[in-house]
Amino acid sequence: MGKGFKTTEEDVAALTVRVPRELVIDIDRERNGRPVRVPRNTWILEAVVEKLDRERQSARNGMRREEDDGQK
């Protein structure tokens, strides 16, 4: 992963996430549209990192969470 994430086996936490089947289908459709295919786990981790980056950027810009929830 990018942004300086270097992990060792003890740095990794295994999570079980329940995801609606339709969302998994959407994720796989996006993954399959890439020029280079990535594993589903990698795609999900990239999405989490992007979300965290957006949240941090919003906090730096002085926005409250409820202002940045897409209800503008």
Protein backbone atom coordinates (compact mmCIF):
# COMPACT_ATOMS: atom_id res chain seq x y z
CA MET A 1 0.00 0.00 0.00
CA GLY A 2 1.03 3.58 -0.47
CA LYS A 3 1.49 6.53 1.82
CA GLY A 4 4.34 4.95 3.75
CA PHE A 5 2.43 1.90 4.99
CA LYS A 6 4.98 -0.82 5.55
CA THR A 7 3.51 -3.75 7.40
CA THR A 8 4.85 -6.87 8.98
CA GLU A 9 2.74 -9.86 9.87
CA GLU A 10 2.31 -8.65 13.48
CA ASP A 11 1.20 -5.21 12.22
CA VAL A 12 -1.79 -6.67 10.38
CA ALA A 13 -5.21 -7.07 12.02
CA ALA A 14 -7.56 -9.61 10.46
CA LEU A 15 -11.14 -8.35 10.21
CA THR A 16 -14.34 -10.06 9.23
CA VAL A 17 -16.58 -7.65 7.38
CA ARG A 18 -20.11 -8.42 6.30
CA VAL A 19 -20.79 -6.82 2.94
CA PRO A 20 -24.06 -6.92 0.99
CA ARG A 21 -23.70 -9.15 -2.08
CA GLU A 22 -24.72 -6.31 -4.42
CA LEU A 23 -21.88 -4.16 -3.06
CA VAL A 24 -19.41 -7.00 -3.67
CA ILE A 25 -20.67 -7.23 -7.25
CA ASP A 26 -20.12 -3.46 -7.67
CA ILE A 27 -16.62 -3.73 -6.20
CA ASP A 28 -15.73 -6.60 -8.52
CA ARG A 29 -17.08 -4.70 -11.51
CA GLU A 30 -14.79 -1.76 -10.66
CA ARG A 31 -11.80 -4.04 -10.07
CA ASN A 32 -12.33 -5.82 -13.37
CA GLY A 33 -12.44 -2.48 -15.19
CA ARG A 34 -8.86 -1.66 -14.23
CA PRO A 35 -6.03 -2.17 -16.72
CA VAL A 36 -4.21 -4.23 -14.06
CA ARG A 37 -6.39 -6.43 -11.90
CA VAL A 38 -5.98 -6.08 -8.14
CA PRO A 39 -7.20 -8.42 -5.40
CA ARG A 40 -10.48 -7.49 -3.75
CA ASN A 41 -8.70 -7.00 -0.41
CA THR A 42 -6.31 -4.50 -1.99
CA TRP A 43 -9.17 -2.61 -3.64
CA ILE A 44 -11.04 -2.39 -0.32
CA LEU A 45 -7.91 -1.21 1.52
CA GLU A 46 -7.37 1.48 -1.12
CA ALA A 47 -10.97 2.61 -0.64
CA VAL A 48 -10.50 2.79 3.14
CA VAL A 49 -7.31 4.83 2.75
CA GLU A 50 -9.05 7.22 0.33
CA LYS A 51 -11.93 7.68 2.80
CA LEU A 52 -9.55 8.33 5.69
CA ASP A 53 -7.67 10.87 3.57
CA ARG A 54 -10.95 12.68 2.77
CA GLU A 55 -11.97 12.70 6.44
CA ARG A 56 -8.59 14.08 7.50
CA GLN A 57 -8.67 16.71 4.75
CA SER A 58 -12.15 17.78 5.86
CA ALA A 59 -10.94 18.08 9.45
CA ARG A 60 -7.97 20.18 8.32
CA ASN A 61 -10.33 22.44 6.40
CA GLY A 62 -12.37 23.00 9.54
CA MET A 63 -15.41 21.12 8.35
CA ARG A 64 -17.49 19.20 10.84
CA ARG A 65 -18.33 15.59 9.91
CA GLU A 66 -22.01 16.34 9.47
CA GLU A 67 -21.17 19.03 6.91
CA ASP A 68 -19.19 16.54 4.85
CA ASP A 69 -21.65 13.65 4.74
CA GLY A 70 -22.89 14.36 1.24
CA GLN A 71 -26.07 16.17 2.29
CA LYS A 72 -25.10 19.55 0.87
